[in-house]
């Protein structure tokens, strides 16, 4: 039996309750949301920094 098959056999022997499945699903969903929010905030910060640089350059040109 390969290692993959061993893992499948162990998983099939375990009968998860509906509550355990729901808790695991909710935890995964919540973690996914957090990761998504972090990615969005990172992208937002990068865009704001780029805009800030561009606006500062325009301001310096106007001041000259």
PDB file of N, CA and C in Angstrom:
ATOM      1  N   UNK A   1       0.853  -1.184   0.000  1.00  0.00           N
ATOM      2  CA  UNK A   1       0.000   0.000   0.000  1.00  0.00           C
ATOM      3  C   UNK A   1       0.896   1.243   0.000  1.00  0.00           C
ATOM      4  N   UNK A   2       0.628   2.184  -0.898  1.00  0.00           N
ATOM      5  CA  UNK A   2       1.423   3.404  -0.950  1.00  0.00           C
ATOM      6  C   UNK A   2       0.993   4.337   0.162  1.00  0.00           C
ATOM      7  N   UNK A   3       1.826   5.334   0.378  1.00  0.00           N
ATOM      8  CA  UNK A   3       1.523   6.302   1.431  1.00  0.00           C
ATOM      9  C   UNK A   3       0.200   7.020   1.141  1.00  0.00           C
ATOM     10  N   UNK A   4      -0.047   7.334  -0.131  1.00  0.00           N
ATOM     11  CA  UNK A   4      -1.307   7.989  -0.488  1.00  0.00           C
ATOM     12  C   UNK A   4      -2.497   7.125  -0.098  1.00  0.00           C
ATOM     13  N   UNK A   5      -2.421   5.852  -0.419  1.00  0.00           N
ATOM     14  CA  UNK A   5      -3.519   4.940  -0.091  1.00  0.00           C
ATOM     15  C   UNK A   5      -3.712   4.804   1.409  1.00  0.00           C
ATOM     16  N   UNK A   6      -2.605   4.846   2.159  1.00  0.00           N
ATOM     17  CA  UNK A   6      -2.713   4.769   3.614  1.00  0.00           C
ATOM     18  C   UNK A   6      -3.501   5.953   4.140  1.00  0.00           C
ATOM     19  N   UNK A   7      -3.208   7.154   3.618  1.00  0.00           N
ATOM     20  CA  UNK A   7      -3.914   8.353   4.066  1.00  0.00           C
ATOM     21  C   UNK A   7      -5.397   8.270   3.739  1.00  0.00           C
ATOM     22  N   UNK A   8      -5.718   7.762   2.580  1.00  0.00           N
ATOM     23  CA  UNK A   8      -7.122   7.629   2.193  1.00  0.00           C
ATOM     24  C   UNK A   8      -7.813   6.631   3.107  1.00  0.00           C
ATOM     25  N   UNK A   9      -7.144   5.527   3.398  1.00  0.00           N
ATOM     26  CA  UNK A   9      -7.738   4.510   4.271  1.00  0.00           C
ATOM     27  C   UNK A   9      -8.022   5.077   5.651  1.00  0.00           C
ATOM     28  N   UNK A  10      -7.090   5.836   6.185  1.00  0.00           N
ATOM     29  CA  UNK A  10      -7.284   6.434   7.509  1.00  0.00           C
ATOM     30  C   UNK A  10      -8.451   7.408   7.468  1.00  0.00           C
ATOM     31  N   UNK A  11      -8.519   8.212   6.415  1.00  0.00           N
ATOM     32  CA  UNK A  11      -9.609   9.182   6.300  1.00  0.00           C
ATOM     33  C   UNK A  11     -10.952   8.478   6.182  1.00  0.00           C
ATOM     34  N   UNK A  12     -10.998   7.375   5.465  1.00  0.00           N
ATOM     35  CA  UNK A  12     -12.264   6.665   5.287  1.00  0.00           C
ATOM     36  C   UNK A  12     -12.714   5.959   6.556  1.00  0.00           C
ATOM     37  N   UNK A  13     -11.790   5.617   7.430  1.00  0.00           N
ATOM     38  CA  UNK A  13     -12.151   4.938   8.674  1.00  0.00           C
ATOM     39  C   UNK A  13     -12.821   5.894   9.649  1.00  0.00           C
ATOM     40  N   UNK A  14     -12.523   7.167   9.546  1.00  0.00           N
ATOM     41  CA  UNK A  14     -13.028   8.171  10.474  1.00  0.00           C
ATOM     42  C   UNK A  14     -14.371   8.675   9.979  1.00  0.00           C
ATOM     43  N   UNK A  15     -15.377   8.582  10.794  1.00  0.00           N
ATOM     44  CA  UNK A  15     -16.686   9.132  10.456  1.00  0.00           C
ATOM     45  C   UNK A  15     -16.836  10.469  11.165  1.00  0.00           C
ATOM     46  N   UNK A  16     -16.844  11.542  10.390  1.00  0.00           N
ATOM     47  CA  UNK A  16     -16.973  12.871  10.963  1.00  0.00           C
ATOM     48  C   UNK A  16     -18.441  13.181  11.211  1.00  0.00           C
ATOM     49  N   UNK A  17     -18.688  13.854  12.322  1.00  0.00           N
ATOM     50  CA  UNK A  17     -20.058  14.270  12.608  1.00  0.00           C
ATOM     51  C   UNK A  17     -20.379  15.482  11.746  1.00  0.00           C
ATOM     52  N   UNK A  18     -21.640  15.734  11.588  1.00  0.00           N
ATOM     53  CA  UNK A  18     -22.083  16.897  10.813  1.00  0.00           C
ATOM     54  C   UNK A  18     -21.535  18.184  11.438  1.00  0.00           C
ATOM     55  N   UNK A  19     -21.505  18.225  12.767  1.00  0.00           N
ATOM     56  CA  UNK A  19     -21.001  19.407  13.473  1.00  0.00           C
ATOM     57  C   UNK A  19     -19.516  19.622  13.183  1.00  0.00           C
ATOM     58  N   UNK A  20     -18.725  18.545  13.209  1.00  0.00           N
ATOM     59  CA  UNK A  20     -17.292  18.663  12.925  1.00  0.00           C
ATOM     60  C   UNK A  20     -17.054  19.158  11.502  1.00  0.00           C
ATOM     61  N   UNK A  21     -17.833  18.659  10.577  1.00  0.00           N
ATOM     62  CA  UNK A  21     -17.704  19.090   9.182  1.00  0.00           C
ATOM     63  C   UNK A  21     -18.064  20.561   9.049  1.00  0.00           C
ATOM     64  N   UNK A  22     -19.147  20.982   9.695  1.00  0.00           N
ATOM     65  CA  UNK A  22     -19.572  22.383   9.624  1.00  0.00           C
ATOM     66  C   UNK A  22     -18.555  23.312  10.264  1.00  0.00           C
ATOM     67  N   UNK A  23     -17.975  22.908  11.393  1.00  0.00           N
ATOM     68  CA  UNK A  23     -16.967  23.727  12.068  1.00  0.00           C
ATOM     69  C   UNK A  23     -15.735  23.869  11.176  1.00  0.00           C
ATOM     70  N   UNK A  24     -15.286  22.763  10.582  1.00  0.00           N
ATOM     71  CA  UNK A  24     -14.118  22.804   9.700  1.00  0.00           C
ATOM     72  C   UNK A  24     -14.395  23.676   8.481  1.00  0.00           C
ATOM     73  N   UNK A  25     -15.592  23.566   7.920  1.00  0.00           N
ATOM     74  CA  UNK A  25     -15.966  24.375   6.764  1.00  0.00           C
ATOM     75  C   UNK A  25     -15.961  25.860   7.117  1.00  0.00           C
ATOM     76  N   UNK A  26     -16.573  26.205   8.248  1.00  0.00           N
ATOM     77  CA  UNK A  26     -16.643  27.613   8.670  1.00  0.00           C
ATOM     78  C   UNK A  26     -15.251  28.168   8.929  1.00  0.00           C
ATOM     79  N   UNK A  27     -14.397  27.371   9.581  1.00  0.00           N
ATOM     80  CA  UNK A  27     -13.034  27.821   9.859  1.00  0.00           C
ATOM     81  C   UNK A  27     -12.287  28.091   8.557  1.00  0.00           C
ATOM     82  N   UNK A  28     -12.400  27.187   7.602  1.00  0.00           N
ATOM     83  CA  UNK A  28     -11.745  27.371   6.310  1.00  0.00           C
ATOM     84  C   UNK A  28     -12.277  28.582   5.568  1.00  0.00           C
ATOM     85  N   UNK A  29     -13.585  28.775   5.632  1.00  0.00           N
ATOM     86  CA  UNK A  29     -14.213  29.917   4.962  1.00  0.00           C
ATOM     87  C   UNK A  29     -13.748  31.226   5.588  1.00  0.00           C
ATOM     88  N   UNK A  30     -13.697  31.269   6.921  1.00  0.00           N
ATOM     89  CA  UNK A  30     -13.250  32.478   7.618  1.00  0.00           C
ATOM     90  C   UNK A  30     -11.792  32.785   7.293  1.00  0.00           C
ATOM     91  N   UNK A  31     -10.943  31.758   7.280  1.00  0.00           N
ATOM     92  CA  UNK A  31      -9.531  31.979   6.963  1.00  0.00           C
ATOM     93  C   UNK A  31      -9.380  32.466   5.530  1.00  0.00           C
ATOM     94  N   UNK A  32     -10.186  31.941   4.629  1.00  0.00           N
ATOM     95  CA  UNK A  32     -10.151  32.389   3.238  1.00  0.00           C
ATOM     96  C   UNK A  32     -10.546  33.846   3.114  1.00  0.00           C
ATOM     97  N   UNK A  33     -11.536  34.253   3.882  1.00  0.00           N
ATOM     98  CA  UNK A  33     -11.958  35.656   3.860  1.00  0.00           C
ATOM     99  C   UNK A  33     -10.842  36.556   4.364  1.00  0.00           C
ATOM    100  N   UNK A  34     -10.181  36.125   5.423  1.00  0.00           N
ATOM    101  CA  UNK A  34      -9.095  36.925   5.992  1.00  0.00           C
ATOM    102  C   UNK A  34      -7.971  37.066   4.978  1.00  0.00           C
ATOM    103  N   UNK A  35      -7.596  35.961   4.328  1.00  0.00           N
ATOM    104  CA  UNK A  35      -6.546  36.010   3.311  1.00  0.00           C
ATOM    105  C   UNK A  35      -6.949  36.942   2.175  1.00  0.00           C
ATOM    106  N   UNK A  36      -8.206  36.885   1.777  1.00  0.00           N
ATOM    107  CA  UNK A  36      -8.695  37.757   0.718  1.00  0.00           C
ATOM    108  C   UNK A  36      -8.647  39.224   1.118  1.00  0.00           C
ATOM    109  N   UNK A  37      -9.020  39.512   2.361  1.00  0.00           N
ATOM    110  CA  UNK A  37      -8.976  40.895   2.841  1.00  0.00           C
ATOM    111  C   UNK A  37      -7.542  41.406   2.885  1.00  0.00           C
ATOM    112  N   UNK A  38      -6.619  40.558   3.327  1.00  0.00           N
ATOM    113  CA  UNK A  38      -5.216  40.964   3.382  1.00  0.00           C
ATOM    114  C   UNK A  38      -4.674  41.237   1.987  1.00  0.00           C
ATOM    115  N   UNK A  39      -5.015  40.399   1.032  1.00  0.00           N
ATOM    116  CA  UNK A  39      -4.563  40.599  -0.349  1.00  0.00           C
ATOM    117  C   UNK A  39      -5.139  41.900  -0.902  1.00  0.00           C
ATOM    118  N   UNK A  40      -6.414  42.166  -0.623  1.00  0.00           N
ATOM    119  CA  UNK A  40      -7.045  43.403  -1.080  1.00  0.00           C
ATOM    120  C   UNK A  40      -6.359  44.618  -0.469  1.00  0.00           C
ATOM    121  N   UNK A  41      -6.098  44.574   0.834  1.00  0.00           N
ATOM    122  CA  UNK A  41      -5.460  45.704   1.496  1.00  0.00           C
ATOM    123  C   UNK A  41      -4.052  45.931   0.971  1.00  0.00           C
ATOM    124  N   UNK A  42      -3.324  44.863   0.697  1.00  0.00           N
ATOM    125  CA  UNK A  42      -1.975  44.995   0.142  1.00  0.00           C
ATOM    126  C   UNK A  42      -2.040  45.679  -1.219  1.00  0.00           C
ATOM    127  N   UNK A  43      -2.977  45.236  -2.061  1.00  0.00           N
ATOM    128  CA  UNK A  43      -3.132  45.832  -3.385  1.00  0.00           C
ATOM    129  C   UNK A  43      -3.543  47.296  -3.265  1.00  0.00           C
ATOM    130  N   UNK A  44      -4.422  47.604  -2.331  1.00  0.00           N
ATOM    131  CA  UNK A  44      -4.873  48.972  -2.113  1.00  0.00           C
ATOM    132  C   UNK A  44      -3.713  49.867  -1.691  1.00  0.00           C
ATOM    133  N   UNK A  45      -2.893  49.389  -0.771  1.00  0.00           N
ATOM    134  CA  UNK A  45      -1.733  50.157  -0.305  1.00  0.00           C
ATOM    135  C   UNK A  45      -0.769  50.420  -1.452  1.00  0.00           C
ATOM    136  N   UNK A  46      -0.511  49.386  -2.267  1.00  0.00           N
ATOM    137  CA  UNK A  46       0.396  49.558  -3.406  1.00  0.00           C
ATOM    138  C   UNK A  46      -0.140  50.605  -4.374  1.00  0.00           C
ATOM    139  N   UNK A  47      -1.442  50.572  -4.646  1.00  0.00           N
ATOM    140  CA  UNK A  47      -2.047  51.556  -5.546  1.00  0.00           C
ATOM    141  C   UNK A  47      -1.972  52.961  -4.963  1.00  0.00           C
ATOM    142  N   UNK A  48      -2.222  53.091  -3.667  1.00  0.00           N
ATOM    143  CA  UNK A  48      -2.152  54.407  -3.023  1.00  0.00           C
ATOM    144  C   UNK A  48      -0.731  54.957  -3.041  1.00  0.00           C
ATOM    145  N   UNK A  49       0.255  54.093  -2.817  1.00  0.00           N
ATOM    146  CA  UNK A  49       1.644  54.536  -2.860  1.00  0.00           C
ATOM    147  C   UNK A  49       2.020  54.998  -4.267  1.00  0.00           C
ATOM    148  N   UNK A  50       1.572  54.261  -5.276  1.00  0.00           N
ATOM    149  CA  UNK A  50       1.850  54.636  -6.661  1.00  0.00           C
ATOM    150  C   UNK A  50       1.191  55.975  -6.987  1.00  0.00           C
ATOM    151  N   UNK A  51      -0.057  56.147  -6.575  1.00  0.00           N
ATOM    152  CA  UNK A  51      -0.761  57.412  -6.801  1.00  0.00           C
ATOM    153  C   UNK A  51      -0.074  58.552  -6.070  1.00  0.00           C
ATOM    154  N   UNK A  52       0.382  58.308  -4.854  1.00  0.00           N
ATOM    155  CA  UNK A  52       1.059  59.324  -4.065  1.00  0.00           C
ATOM    156  C   UNK A  52       2.336  59.785  -4.766  1.00  0.00           C
ATOM    157  N   UNK A  53       3.101  58.842  -5.278  1.00  0.00           N
ATOM    158  CA  UNK A  53       4.336  59.180  -5.986  1.00  0.00           C
ATOM    159  C   UNK A  53       4.028  60.033  -7.207  1.00  0.00           C
ATOM    160  N   UNK A  54       3.028  59.630  -7.959  1.00  0.00           N
ATOM    161  CA  UNK A  54       2.645  60.366  -9.163  1.00  0.00           C
ATOM    162  C   UNK A  54       2.177  61.778  -8.823  1.00  0.00           C
ATOM    163  N   UNK A  55       1.355  61.902  -7.802  1.00  0.00           N
ATOM    164  CA  UNK A  55       0.849  63.220  -7.416  1.00  0.00           C
ATOM    165  C   UNK A  55       1.959  64.112  -6.875  1.00  0.00           C
ATOM    166  N   UNK A  56       2.901  63.532  -6.133  1.00  0.00           N
ATOM    167  CA  UNK A  56       4.028  64.322  -5.640  1.00  0.00           C
ATOM    168  C   UNK A  56       4.886  64.838  -6.786  1.00  0.00           C
ATOM    169  N   UNK A  57       5.075  64.027  -7.821  1.00  0.00           N
ATOM    170  CA  UNK A  57       5.839  64.478  -8.985  1.00  0.00           C
ATOM    171  C   UNK A  57       5.126  65.628  -9.680  1.00  0.00           C
ATOM    172  N   UNK A  58       3.818  65.514  -9.843  1.00  0.00           N
ATOM    173  CA  UNK A  58       3.044  66.587 -10.469  1.00  0.00           C
ATOM    174  C   UNK A  58       3.110  67.856  -9.635  1.00  0.00           C
ATOM    175  N   UNK A  59       3.054  67.725  -8.322  1.00  0.00           N
ATOM    176  CA  UNK A  59       3.140  68.878  -7.434  1.00  0.00           C
ATOM    177  C   UNK A  59       4.490  69.564  -7.576  1.00  0.00           C
ATOM    178  N   UNK A  60       5.556  68.787  -7.645  1.00  0.00           N
ATOM    179  CA  UNK A  60       6.892  69.362  -7.799  1.00  0.00           C
ATOM    180  C   UNK A  60       7.011  70.106  -9.124  1.00  0.00           C
ATOM    181  N   UNK A  61       6.399  69.582 -10.184  1.00  0.00           N
ATOM    182  CA  UNK A  61       6.426  70.258 -11.484  1.00  0.00           C
ATOM    183  C   UNK A  61       5.660  71.573 -11.428  1.00  0.00           C
ATOM    184  N   UNK A  62       4.546  71.594 -10.711  1.00  0.00           N
ATOM    185  CA  UNK A  62       3.744  72.811 -10.590  1.00  0.00           C
ATOM    186  C   UNK A  62       4.496  73.862  -9.783  1.00  0.00           C
ATOM    187  N   UNK A  63       5.226  73.445  -8.752  1.00  0.00           N
ATOM    188  CA  UNK A  63       5.959  74.373  -7.892  1.00  0.00           C
ATOM    189  C   UNK A  63       7.098  75.056  -8.635  1.00  0.00           C
ATOM    190  N   UNK A  64       7.647  74.417  -9.664  1.00  0.00           N
ATOM    191  CA  UNK A  64       8.806  74.987 -10.381  1.00  0.00           C
ATOM    192  C   UNK A  64       8.467  76.208 -11.144  1.00  0.00           C
TER     193      UNK A  64
END
